[in-house]
Amino acid sequence: MTMTSKLKLGMIGLDTSHATAFAELLSDEGHRYHVPDGTVIAAYPGGSDDFELSRSRVQGFTEELRQKYGVQIVDSPEETAEQCDAILLESVDGRVHLEQFRRIVRYRKPVFIDKPFTVNAGEALEIIRLAEANGVPVMSSSALRFAEGVKQAAADDEAGPIIGTDCYGPMELQPTQPGLFWYGIHSVEMLYTFMGLGCVSVTAATTAHHDVVTGIWEDGRIGTVRGSRCGNMTFGATVHREKGSRPVDVYAHDKPYYASLLEQIMAFFRTGRSPVALSETWEIIRFIEAANESRSSGKAVRLRG
């Protein structure tokens, strides 16, 4: 394989619209935001019987990949890994990611693990341990991190360093992906894009319709996530810098954030260097885990010790 040849990609988990969105961007040369660096050649459907949003969608997405994009459907994660240069682990159920990663880590192919990385910090730490022990590059991220409006706001430091951030978005609840792990993770990813590592404690307030999670960083900065289950279902943020605050319009650009994310994934597959450190991915999972604990107790929860 040369640096100019297309990467052969394997996909694990066809129970999410991300699978077909990525396949379209990679395959459709007429798409305005076509990503030309790879093609999905093999996929394992997966699916979780106890998760309706997985169970009800896996067959349709599997048939679309087979018929529309010519993807070979295989019987196991291992068979997928054997045939490809890099792996998109797309299973919508974060509970299965550790088990699926264990089955493919020995192939030593770079792996993108879609959100949520896991649904608890212990399993996240085990994936990181396995990756490091086997020399496997791993990347995980929500597409919201790479939305064009988010990237521009993070890079525009004319008003000085960031002193706080307030993010918001939809926060539907799914029992199998507790609390913020389902849709709340997108807003948390945006928060970390602006704030970076270093949150020490979180406190959550919750009602039937809304959640507000407040994180305190070790340097004294404060960041918040507001999740809604009624009314406004869009994503956004306000970034506070030393010399002023500015809103972040996630939808200001017509480039879909899936395309921006996929560009980052393909660069990662080529280089083995993730734009998101695994230490940050772990802290995001622990932030959500702590926020969920606080949703139940109403008390501040420390991320470590």
C-alpha atoms as a PDB file:
ATOM      1  CA  MET A   1       0.000   0.000   0.000  1.00  0.00           C
ATOM      2  CA  THR A   2       1.307   3.452  -0.922  1.00  0.00           C
ATOM      3  CA  MET A   3       0.386   6.733   0.695  1.00  0.00           C
ATOM      4  CA  THR A   4      -1.700   7.577  -2.390  1.00  0.00           C
ATOM      5  CA  SER A   5      -3.680   4.323  -2.463  1.00  0.00           C
ATOM      6  CA  LYS A   6      -7.114   4.129  -0.917  1.00  0.00           C
ATOM      7  CA  LEU A   7      -7.292   2.585   2.511  1.00  0.00           C
ATOM      8  CA  LYS A   8      -9.400  -0.540   2.801  1.00  0.00           C
ATOM      9  CA  LEU A   9     -11.753   0.079   5.710  1.00  0.00           C
ATOM     10  CA  GLY A  10     -13.661  -2.365   7.859  1.00  0.00           C
ATOM     11  CA  MET A  11     -16.774  -1.396   9.775  1.00  0.00           C
ATOM     12  CA  ILE A  12     -18.033  -3.033  12.967  1.00  0.00           C
ATOM     13  CA  GLY A  13     -21.595  -2.221  14.015  1.00  0.00           C
ATOM     14  CA  LEU A  14     -24.222  -1.316  11.421  1.00  0.00           C
ATOM     15  CA  ASP A  15     -26.879  -0.140  13.871  1.00  0.00           C
ATOM     16  CA  THR A  16     -26.245   3.592  13.476  1.00  0.00           C
ATOM     17  CA  SER A  17     -26.790   6.178  10.763  1.00  0.00           C
ATOM     18  CA  HIS A  18     -23.100   7.036  11.106  1.00  0.00           C
ATOM     19  CA  ALA A  19     -22.313   3.832   9.189  1.00  0.00           C
ATOM     20  CA  THR A  20     -24.238   4.884   6.099  1.00  0.00           C
ATOM     21  CA  ALA A  21     -23.200   8.547   6.403  1.00  0.00           C
ATOM     22  CA  PHE A  22     -19.527   7.580   6.366  1.00  0.00           C
ATOM     23  CA  ALA A  23     -20.037   5.095   3.526  1.00  0.00           C
ATOM     24  CA  GLU A  24     -21.737   7.780   1.435  1.00  0.00           C
ATOM     25  CA  LEU A  25     -19.006  10.372   2.018  1.00  0.00           C
ATOM     26  CA  LEU A  26     -16.324   7.836   1.126  1.00  0.00           C
ATOM     27  CA  SER A  27     -18.091   6.371  -1.940  1.00  0.00           C
ATOM     28  CA  ASP A  28     -19.938   9.234  -3.632  1.00  0.00           C
ATOM     29  CA  GLU A  29     -17.383  11.111  -5.728  1.00  0.00           C
ATOM     30  CA  GLY A  30     -20.070  13.636  -6.675  1.00  0.00           C
ATOM     31  CA  HIS A  31     -20.736  14.588  -3.052  1.00  0.00           C
ATOM     32  CA  ARG A  32     -19.647  18.152  -2.344  1.00  0.00           C
ATOM     33  CA  TYR A  33     -17.730  16.966   0.702  1.00  0.00           C
ATOM     34  CA  HIS A  34     -16.552  13.617  -0.651  1.00  0.00           C
ATOM     35  CA  VAL A  35     -13.695  12.122   1.396  1.00  0.00           C
ATOM     36  CA  PRO A  36     -11.540  10.298  -1.155  1.00  0.00           C
ATOM     37  CA  ASP A  37      -9.008   8.497   1.021  1.00  0.00           C
ATOM     38  CA  GLY A  38     -10.683   5.146   1.631  1.00  0.00           C
ATOM     39  CA  THR A  39     -13.470   2.726   0.907  1.00  0.00           C
ATOM     40  CA  VAL A  40     -15.473   0.405   3.155  1.00  0.00           C
ATOM     41  CA  ILE A  41     -14.901  -3.124   1.903  1.00  0.00           C
ATOM     42  CA  ALA A  42     -16.206  -5.312   4.752  1.00  0.00           C
ATOM     43  CA  ALA A  43     -18.582  -4.918   7.665  1.00  0.00           C
ATOM     44  CA  TYR A  44     -19.931  -6.876  10.613  1.00  0.00           C
ATOM     45  CA  PRO A  45     -23.532  -5.872  11.471  1.00  0.00           C
ATOM     46  CA  GLY A  46     -23.503  -6.526  15.229  1.00  0.00           C
ATOM     47  CA  GLY A  47     -26.523  -5.126  17.063  1.00  0.00           C
ATOM     48  CA  SER A  48     -27.862  -5.302  20.626  1.00  0.00           C
ATOM     49  CA  ASP A  49     -31.131  -7.185  21.166  1.00  0.00           C
ATOM     50  CA  ASP A  50     -32.000  -5.283  24.351  1.00  0.00           C
ATOM     51  CA  PHE A  51     -31.533  -1.831  22.768  1.00  0.00           C
ATOM     52  CA  GLU A  52     -34.447  -0.918  20.484  1.00  0.00           C
ATOM     53  CA  LEU A  53     -32.547   1.794  18.606  1.00  0.00           C
ATOM     54  CA  SER A  54     -29.923  -0.822  17.747  1.00  0.00           C
ATOM     55  CA  ARG A  55     -32.144  -3.837  17.129  1.00  0.00           C
ATOM     56  CA  SER A  56     -34.632  -2.008  14.894  1.00  0.00           C
ATOM     57  CA  ARG A  57     -32.045  -0.389  12.617  1.00  0.00           C
ATOM     58  CA  VAL A  58     -29.299  -2.926  12.037  1.00  0.00           C
ATOM     59  CA  GLN A  59     -31.036  -4.828   9.219  1.00  0.00           C
ATOM     60  CA  GLY A  60     -31.869  -1.727   7.181  1.00  0.00           C
ATOM     61  CA  PHE A  61     -28.404  -0.214   7.445  1.00  0.00           C
ATOM     62  CA  THR A  62     -26.812  -3.599   6.665  1.00  0.00           C
ATOM     63  CA  GLU A  63     -28.831  -3.941   3.465  1.00  0.00           C
ATOM     64  CA  GLU A  64     -28.022  -0.367   2.446  1.00  0.00           C
ATOM     65  CA  LEU A  65     -24.287  -0.957   2.802  1.00  0.00           C
ATOM     66  CA  ARG A  66     -24.514  -4.251   0.925  1.00  0.00           C
ATOM     67  CA  GLN A  67     -26.718  -3.101  -1.935  1.00  0.00           C
ATOM     68  CA  LYS A  68     -25.855   0.589  -2.376  1.00  0.00           C
ATOM     69  CA  TYR A  69     -22.155   0.564  -1.551  1.00  0.00           C
ATOM     70  CA  GLY A  70     -21.131  -3.008  -2.396  1.00  0.00           C
ATOM     71  CA  VAL A  71     -19.800  -3.768   1.087  1.00  0.00           C
ATOM     72  CA  GLN A  72     -19.139  -7.418   1.908  1.00  0.00           C
ATOM     73  CA  ILE A  73     -21.105  -8.400   5.028  1.00  0.00           C
ATOM     74  CA  VAL A  74     -19.107 -10.783   7.223  1.00  0.00           C
ATOM     75  CA  ASP A  75     -19.833 -12.898  10.279  1.00  0.00           C
ATOM     76  CA  SER A  76     -17.467 -11.542  12.928  1.00  0.00           C
ATOM     77  CA  PRO A  77     -15.363  -8.572  13.996  1.00  0.00           C
ATOM     78  CA  GLU A  78     -12.288 -10.740  13.441  1.00  0.00           C
ATOM     79  CA  GLU A  79     -13.173 -11.379   9.796  1.00  0.00           C
ATOM     80  CA  THR A  80     -13.647  -7.657   9.318  1.00  0.00           C
ATOM     81  CA  ALA A  81     -10.261  -6.837  10.851  1.00  0.00           C
ATOM     82  CA  GLU A  82      -8.449  -9.449   8.770  1.00  0.00           C
ATOM     83  CA  GLN A  83      -9.482  -7.842   5.486  1.00  0.00           C
ATOM     84  CA  CYS A  84      -8.849  -4.160   6.120  1.00  0.00           C
ATOM     85  CA  ASP A  85      -6.189  -1.548   6.768  1.00  0.00           C
ATOM     86  CA  ALA A  86      -8.162   0.325   9.438  1.00  0.00           C
ATOM     87  CA  ILE A  87     -11.374  -0.136  11.409  1.00  0.00           C
ATOM     88  CA  LEU A  88     -14.420   2.031  12.080  1.00  0.00           C
ATOM     89  CA  LEU A  89     -15.978   0.610  15.254  1.00  0.00           C
ATOM     90  CA  GLU A  90     -19.458   2.118  14.871  1.00  0.00           C
ATOM     91  CA  SER A  91     -21.661   0.058  17.202  1.00  0.00           C
ATOM     92  CA  VAL A  92     -24.221   2.477  18.626  1.00  0.00           C
ATOM     93  CA  ASP A  93     -24.204   0.674  21.979  1.00  0.00           C
ATOM     94  CA  GLY A  94     -21.237   1.818  24.062  1.00  0.00           C
ATOM     95  CA  ARG A  95     -21.622  -1.240  26.295  1.00  0.00           C
ATOM     96  CA  VAL A  96     -20.205  -3.543  23.580  1.00  0.00           C
ATOM     97  CA  HIS A  97     -17.142  -1.532  22.592  1.00  0.00           C
ATOM     98  CA  LEU A  98     -14.691  -3.132  25.023  1.00  0.00           C
ATOM     99  CA  GLU A  99     -15.698  -6.673  24.041  1.00  0.00           C
ATOM    100  CA  GLN A 100     -15.497  -5.857  20.331  1.00  0.00           C
ATOM    101  CA  PHE A 101     -12.147  -4.107  20.746  1.00  0.00           C
ATOM    102  CA  ARG A 102     -10.753  -7.105  22.621  1.00  0.00           C
ATOM    103  CA  ARG A 103     -11.615  -9.276  19.614  1.00  0.00           C
ATOM    104  CA  ILE A 104      -9.756  -7.091  17.093  1.00  0.00           C
ATOM    105  CA  VAL A 105      -6.847  -5.599  19.041  1.00  0.00           C
ATOM    106  CA  ARG A 106      -4.491  -8.449  18.066  1.00  0.00           C
ATOM    107  CA  TYR A 107      -4.722  -7.407  14.405  1.00  0.00           C
ATOM    108  CA  ARG A 108      -2.944  -4.137  15.285  1.00  0.00           C
ATOM    109  CA  LYS A 109      -4.986  -2.001  12.897  1.00  0.00           C
ATOM    110  CA  PRO A 110      -5.807   1.632  13.781  1.00  0.00           C
ATOM    111  CA  VAL A 111      -9.321   1.882  15.222  1.00  0.00           C
ATOM    112  CA  PHE A 112     -11.807   4.734  15.403  1.00  0.00           C
ATOM    113  CA  ILE A 113     -14.359   4.083  18.177  1.00  0.00           C
ATOM    114  CA  ASP A 114     -17.528   6.123  17.733  1.00  0.00           C
ATOM    115  CA  LYS A 115     -19.308   7.759  20.637  1.00  0.00           C
ATOM    116  CA  PRO A 116     -19.780   6.779  23.368  1.00  0.00           C
ATOM    117  CA  PHE A 117     -16.280   5.336  23.750  1.00  0.00           C
ATOM    118  CA  THR A 118     -17.684   3.285  26.643  1.00  0.00           C
ATOM    119  CA  VAL A 119     -20.405   3.827  29.235  1.00  0.00           C
ATOM    120  CA  ASN A 120     -18.095   3.666  32.239  1.00  0.00           C
ATOM    121  CA  ALA A 121     -14.616   4.899  33.027  1.00  0.00           C
ATOM    122  CA  GLY A 122     -13.256   1.487  34.021  1.00  0.00           C
ATOM    123  CA  GLU A 123     -13.956   0.008  30.587  1.00  0.00           C
ATOM    124  CA  ALA A 124     -12.533   3.123  28.946  1.00  0.00           C
ATOM    125  CA  LEU A 125      -9.313   2.643  30.898  1.00  0.00           C
ATOM    126  CA  GLU A 126      -9.161  -1.028  29.836  1.00  0.00           C
ATOM    127  CA  ILE A 127      -9.484  -0.138  26.127  1.00  0.00           C
ATOM    128  CA  ILE A 128      -6.667   2.370  26.557  1.00  0.00           C
ATOM    129  CA  ARG A 129      -4.530  -0.236  28.358  1.00  0.00           C
ATOM    130  CA  LEU A 130      -5.115  -2.826  25.626  1.00  0.00           C
ATOM    131  CA  ALA A 131      -4.369  -0.296  22.899  1.00  0.00           C
ATOM    132  CA  GLU A 132      -1.106   0.758  24.497  1.00  0.00           C
ATOM    133  CA  ALA A 133      -0.033  -2.822  25.282  1.00  0.00           C
ATOM    134  CA  ASN A 134      -0.594  -3.890  21.671  1.00  0.00           C
ATOM    135  CA  GLY A 135       0.615  -0.730  19.939  1.00  0.00           C
ATOM    136  CA  VAL A 136      -2.812  -0.013  18.430  1.00  0.00           C
ATOM    137  CA  PRO A 137      -3.632   3.619  17.566  1.00  0.00           C
ATOM    138  CA  VAL A 138      -7.118   4.521  18.832  1.00  0.00           C
ATOM    139  CA  MET A 139      -9.226   7.625  18.284  1.00  0.00           C
ATOM    140  CA  SER A 140     -12.677   8.477  19.617  1.00  0.00           C
ATOM    141  CA  SER A 141     -14.756  11.618  19.225  1.00  0.00           C
ATOM    142  CA  SER A 142     -18.176  13.083  18.683  1.00  0.00           C
ATOM    143  CA  ALA A 143     -18.578  14.812  15.324  1.00  0.00           C
ATOM    144  CA  LEU A 144     -19.571  18.015  17.158  1.00  0.00           C
ATOM    145  CA  ARG A 145     -15.948  18.569  18.179  1.00  0.00           C
ATOM    146  CA  PHE A 146     -15.089  19.103  14.498  1.00  0.00           C
ATOM    147  CA  ALA A 147     -18.102  21.161  13.411  1.00  0.00           C
ATOM    148  CA  GLU A 148     -16.699  24.064  11.423  1.00  0.00           C
ATOM    149  CA  GLY A 149     -18.223  26.677  13.761  1.00  0.00           C
ATOM    150  CA  VAL A 150     -16.763  24.939  16.808  1.00  0.00           C
ATOM    151  CA  LYS A 151     -13.301  24.672  15.267  1.00  0.00           C
ATOM    152  CA  GLN A 152     -13.273  28.328  14.289  1.00  0.00           C
ATOM    153  CA  ALA A 153     -14.431  29.497  17.718  1.00  0.00           C
ATOM    154  CA  ALA A 154     -11.767  27.377  19.423  1.00  0.00           C
ATOM    155  CA  ALA A 155      -9.038  28.755  17.186  1.00  0.00           C
ATOM    156  CA  ASP A 156     -10.094  32.431  17.391  1.00  0.00           C
ATOM    157  CA  ASP A 157      -8.152  33.687  20.411  1.00  0.00           C
ATOM    158  CA  GLU A 158      -8.307  37.395  19.570  1.00  0.00           C
ATOM    159  CA  ALA A 159     -10.266  38.004  22.792  1.00  0.00           C
ATOM    160  CA  GLY A 160      -7.684  36.197  24.895  1.00  0.00           C
ATOM    161  CA  PRO A 161      -7.625  32.824  26.646  1.00  0.00           C
ATOM    162  CA  ILE A 162     -10.797  30.929  27.459  1.00  0.00           C
ATOM    163  CA  ILE A 163     -12.010  31.489  31.011  1.00  0.00           C
ATOM    164  CA  GLY A 164     -15.232  29.432  30.761  1.00  0.00           C
ATOM    165  CA  THR A 165     -17.690  27.818  28.360  1.00  0.00           C
ATOM    166  CA  ASP A 166     -21.414  27.074  28.378  1.00  0.00           C
ATOM    167  CA  CYS A 167     -22.598  24.385  25.959  1.00  0.00           C
ATOM    168  CA  TYR A 168     -26.086  23.149  25.183  1.00  0.00           C
ATOM    169  CA  GLY A 169     -27.870  20.539  23.132  1.00  0.00           C
ATOM    170  CA  PRO A 170     -30.528  17.848  23.126  1.00  0.00           C
ATOM    171  CA  MET A 171     -30.261  15.251  25.875  1.00  0.00           C
ATOM    172  CA  GLU A 172     -32.592  12.381  25.189  1.00  0.00           C
ATOM    173  CA  LEU A 173     -32.325   9.520  27.677  1.00  0.00           C
ATOM    174  CA  GLN A 174     -31.803   5.851  26.832  1.00  0.00           C
ATOM    175  CA  PRO A 175     -31.742   3.286  29.650  1.00  0.00           C
ATOM    176  CA  THR A 176     -28.908   1.263  28.097  1.00  0.00           C
ATOM    177  CA  GLN A 177     -26.719   4.378  27.625  1.00  0.00           C
ATOM    178  CA  PRO A 178     -27.339   6.061  30.973  1.00  0.00           C
ATOM    179  CA  GLY A 179     -27.752   9.791  31.496  1.00  0.00           C
ATOM    180  CA  LEU A 180     -25.449  11.910  29.344  1.00  0.00           C
ATOM    181  CA  PHE A 181     -23.909   8.967  27.492  1.00  0.00           C
ATOM    182  CA  TRP A 182     -26.521   9.021  24.715  1.00  0.00           C
ATOM    183  CA  TYR A 183     -26.962  12.549  23.349  1.00  0.00           C
ATOM    184  CA  GLY A 184     -25.417  14.505  26.197  1.00  0.00           C
ATOM    185  CA  ILE A 185     -21.963  13.325  25.136  1.00  0.00           C
ATOM    186  CA  HIS A 186     -22.047  15.681  22.127  1.00  0.00           C
ATOM    187  CA  SER A 187     -22.314  18.765  24.328  1.00  0.00           C
ATOM    188  CA  VAL A 188     -19.644  17.388  26.674  1.00  0.00           C
ATOM    189  CA  GLU A 189     -17.295  16.902  23.695  1.00  0.00           C
ATOM    190  CA  MET A 190     -17.861  20.534  22.710  1.00  0.00           C
ATOM    191  CA  LEU A 191     -17.131  21.610  26.280  1.00  0.00           C
ATOM    192  CA  TYR A 192     -13.813  19.758  26.291  1.00  0.00           C
ATOM    193  CA  THR A 193     -12.912  21.131  22.868  1.00  0.00           C
ATOM    194  CA  PHE A 194     -12.900  24.587  24.452  1.00  0.00           C
ATOM    195  CA  MET A 195     -11.884  23.839  28.048  1.00  0.00           C
ATOM    196  CA  GLY A 196      -9.398  20.996  27.650  1.00  0.00           C
ATOM    197  CA  LEU A 197      -8.355  18.570  30.374  1.00  0.00           C
ATOM    198  CA  GLY A 198      -8.460  19.312  34.072  1.00  0.00           C
ATOM    199  CA  CYS A 199     -12.001  19.064  35.411  1.00  0.00           C
ATOM    200  CA  VAL A 200     -11.935  18.092  39.089  1.00  0.00           C
ATOM    201  CA  SER A 201     -15.621  17.902  40.051  1.00  0.00           C
ATOM    202  CA  VAL A 202     -19.120  18.078  38.589  1.00  0.00           C
ATOM    203  CA  THR A 203     -22.548  18.862  39.971  1.00  0.00           C
ATOM    204  CA  ALA A 204     -25.785  18.122  38.119  1.00  0.00           C
ATOM    205  CA  ALA A 205     -29.271  19.549  38.490  1.00  0.00           C
ATOM    206  CA  THR A 206     -32.022  17.586  36.743  1.00  0.00           C
ATOM    207  CA  THR A 207     -35.760  17.760  36.081  1.00  0.00           C
ATOM    208  CA  ALA A 208     -38.016  15.798  33.763  1.00  0.00           C
ATOM    209  CA  HIS A 209     -37.219  18.218  30.930  1.00  0.00           C
ATOM    210  CA  HIS A 210     -33.718  19.556  31.523  1.00  0.00           C
ATOM    211  CA  ASP A 211     -30.281  18.890  32.979  1.00  0.00           C
ATOM    212  CA  VAL A 212     -27.565  21.397  33.845  1.00  0.00           C
ATOM    213  CA  VAL A 213     -24.131  20.012  34.635  1.00  0.00           C
ATOM    214  CA  THR A 214     -21.491  22.314  36.107  1.00  0.00           C
ATOM    215  CA  GLY A 215     -17.837  21.335  35.968  1.00  0.00           C
ATOM    216  CA  ILE A 216     -15.084  23.007  37.984  1.00  0.00           C
ATOM    217  CA  TRP A 217     -11.590  22.887  36.503  1.00  0.00           C
ATOM    218  CA  GLU A 218      -8.438  22.675  38.593  1.00  0.00           C
ATOM    219  CA  ASP A 219      -7.426  26.204  37.530  1.00  0.00           C
ATOM    220  CA  GLY A 220     -10.727  27.647  38.776  1.00  0.00           C
ATOM    221  CA  ARG A 221     -12.514  27.888  35.440  1.00  0.00           C
ATOM    222  CA  ILE A 222     -16.134  26.748  35.226  1.00  0.00           C
ATOM    223  CA  GLY A 223     -17.851  25.041  32.293  1.00  0.00           C
ATOM    224  CA  THR A 224     -21.467  23.994  31.942  1.00  0.00           C
ATOM    225  CA  VAL A 225     -23.566  21.643  29.847  1.00  0.00           C
ATOM    226  CA  ARG A 226     -27.307  22.237  29.463  1.00  0.00           C
ATOM    227  CA  GLY A 227     -29.288  19.283  28.108  1.00  0.00           C
ATOM    228  CA  SER A 228     -32.870  19.602  26.931  1.00  0.00           C
ATOM    229  CA  ARG A 229     -35.655  17.090  26.413  1.00  0.00           C
ATOM    230  CA  CYS A 230     -38.192  19.683  25.283  1.00  0.00           C
ATOM    231  CA  GLY A 231     -38.152  22.828  23.179  1.00  0.00           C
ATOM    232  CA  ASN A 232     -34.829  23.742  21.598  1.00  0.00           C
ATOM    233  CA  MET A 233     -33.159  20.631  20.145  1.00  0.00           C
ATOM    234  CA  THR A 234     -30.144  22.328  18.567  1.00  0.00           C
ATOM    235  CA  PHE A 235     -26.500  22.379  19.635  1.00  0.00           C
ATOM    236  CA  GLY A 236     -24.565  25.504  20.514  1.00  0.00           C
ATOM    237  CA  ALA A 237     -22.256  27.186  22.984  1.00  0.00           C
ATOM    238  CA  THR A 238     -21.063  30.468  24.424  1.00  0.00           C
ATOM    239  CA  VAL A 239     -17.310  30.773  24.848  1.00  0.00           C
ATOM    240  CA  HIS A 240     -16.095  33.206  27.489  1.00  0.00           C
ATOM    241  CA  ARG A 241     -12.642  34.713  26.959  1.00  0.00           C
ATOM    242  CA  GLU A 242     -10.792  37.314  28.999  1.00  0.00           C
ATOM    243  CA  LYS A 243     -11.850  40.176  26.726  1.00  0.00           C
ATOM    244  CA  GLY A 244     -15.339  39.085  25.797  1.00  0.00           C
ATOM    245  CA  SER A 245     -17.831  36.295  25.139  1.00  0.00           C
ATOM    246  CA  ARG A 246     -19.082  34.999  21.822  1.00  0.00           C
ATOM    247  CA  PRO A 247     -21.808  32.568  20.743  1.00  0.00           C
ATOM    248  CA  VAL A 248     -20.886  29.521  18.704  1.00  0.00           C
ATOM    249  CA  ASP A 249     -23.173  28.731  15.777  1.00  0.00           C
ATOM    250  CA  VAL A 250     -22.755  25.019  15.099  1.00  0.00           C
ATOM    251  CA  TYR A 251     -24.903  25.342  11.963  1.00  0.00           C
ATOM    252  CA  ALA A 252     -23.258  28.403  10.411  1.00  0.00           C
ATOM    253  CA  HIS A 253     -21.537  26.296   7.740  1.00  0.00           C
ATOM    254  CA  ASP A 254     -23.150  23.921   5.263  1.00  0.00           C
ATOM    255  CA  LYS A 255     -20.338  21.390   5.568  1.00  0.00           C
ATOM    256  CA  PRO A 256     -21.772  18.514   7.634  1.00  0.00           C
ATOM    257  CA  TYR A 257     -19.842  17.804  10.782  1.00  0.00           C
ATOM    258  CA  TYR A 258     -19.793  14.111   9.825  1.00  0.00           C
ATOM    259  CA  ALA A 259     -17.605  15.107   6.864  1.00  0.00           C
ATOM    260  CA  SER A 260     -15.288  17.155   9.062  1.00  0.00           C
ATOM    261  CA  LEU A 261     -15.004  14.250  11.502  1.00  0.00           C
ATOM    262  CA  LEU A 262     -14.341  11.723   8.728  1.00  0.00           C
ATOM    263  CA  GLU A 263     -11.518  13.874   7.361  1.00  0.00           C
ATOM    264  CA  GLN A 264      -9.912  13.760  10.801  1.00  0.00           C
ATOM    265  CA  ILE A 265     -10.428   9.998  11.039  1.00  0.00           C
ATOM    266  CA  MET A 266      -8.799   9.357   7.669  1.00  0.00           C
ATOM    267  CA  ALA A 267      -5.802  11.524   8.598  1.00  0.00           C
ATOM    268  CA  PHE A 268      -5.555   9.522  11.844  1.00  0.00           C
ATOM    269  CA  PHE A 269      -5.664   6.225   9.933  1.00  0.00           C
ATOM    270  CA  ARG A 270      -2.788   7.427   7.738  1.00  0.00           C
ATOM    271  CA  THR A 271      -0.560   8.740  10.524  1.00  0.00           C
ATOM    272  CA  GLY A 272      -1.601   6.824  13.631  1.00  0.00           C
ATOM    273  CA  ARG A 273      -1.801  10.150  15.495  1.00  0.00           C
ATOM    274  CA  SER A 274      -5.183  11.036  16.964  1.00  0.00           C
ATOM    275  CA  PRO A 275      -6.241  14.696  17.211  1.00  0.00           C
ATOM    276  CA  VAL A 276      -7.904  13.786  20.523  1.00  0.00           C
ATOM    277  CA  ALA A 277      -5.626  12.378  23.218  1.00  0.00           C
ATOM    278  CA  LEU A 278      -6.878   9.212  24.888  1.00  0.00           C
ATOM    279  CA  SER A 279      -6.333  10.920  28.245  1.00  0.00           C
ATOM    280  CA  GLU A 280      -8.975  13.448  27.203  1.00  0.00           C
ATOM    281  CA  THR A 281     -11.293  10.720  25.941  1.00  0.00           C
ATOM    282  CA  TRP A 282     -11.017   8.981  29.324  1.00  0.00           C
ATOM    283  CA  GLU A 283     -11.735  12.218  31.204  1.00  0.00           C
ATOM    284  CA  ILE A 284     -14.815  12.854  29.056  1.00  0.00           C
ATOM    285  CA  ILE A 285     -16.164   9.417  29.973  1.00  0.00           C
ATOM    286  CA  ARG A 286     -15.379   9.998  33.646  1.00  0.00           C
ATOM    287  CA  PHE A 287     -16.980  13.481  33.485  1.00  0.00           C
ATOM    288  CA  ILE A 288     -20.190  11.902  32.184  1.00  0.00           C
ATOM    289  CA  GLU A 289     -20.035   9.081  34.721  1.00  0.00           C
ATOM    290  CA  ALA A 290     -19.599  11.606  37.546  1.00  0.00           C
ATOM    291  CA  ALA A 291     -22.402  13.782  36.141  1.00  0.00           C
ATOM    292  CA  ASN A 292     -24.688  10.745  36.142  1.00  0.00           C
ATOM    293  CA  GLU A 293     -23.761  10.025  39.758  1.00  0.00           C
ATOM    294  CA  SER A 294     -24.590  13.626  40.641  1.00  0.00           C
ATOM    295  CA  ARG A 295     -27.906  13.422  38.760  1.00  0.00           C
ATOM    296  CA  SER A 296     -28.867  10.670  41.203  1.00  0.00           C
ATOM    297  CA  SER A 297     -27.424  12.116  44.409  1.00  0.00           C
ATOM    298  CA  GLY A 298     -27.662  15.859  43.815  1.00  0.00           C
ATOM    299  CA  LYS A 299     -24.164  16.176  45.274  1.00  0.00           C
ATOM    300  CA  ALA A 300     -20.847  17.282  43.787  1.00  0.00           C
ATOM    301  CA  VAL A 301     -18.818  14.321  42.526  1.00  0.00           C
ATOM    302  CA  ARG A 302     -15.055  14.391  42.113  1.00  0.00           C
ATOM    303  CA  LEU A 303     -13.617  12.892  38.939  1.00  0.00           C
ATOM    304  CA  ARG A 304     -10.594  11.406  40.713  1.00  0.00           C
ATOM    305  CA  GLY A 305     -10.095  10.074  44.189  1.00  0.00           C
END
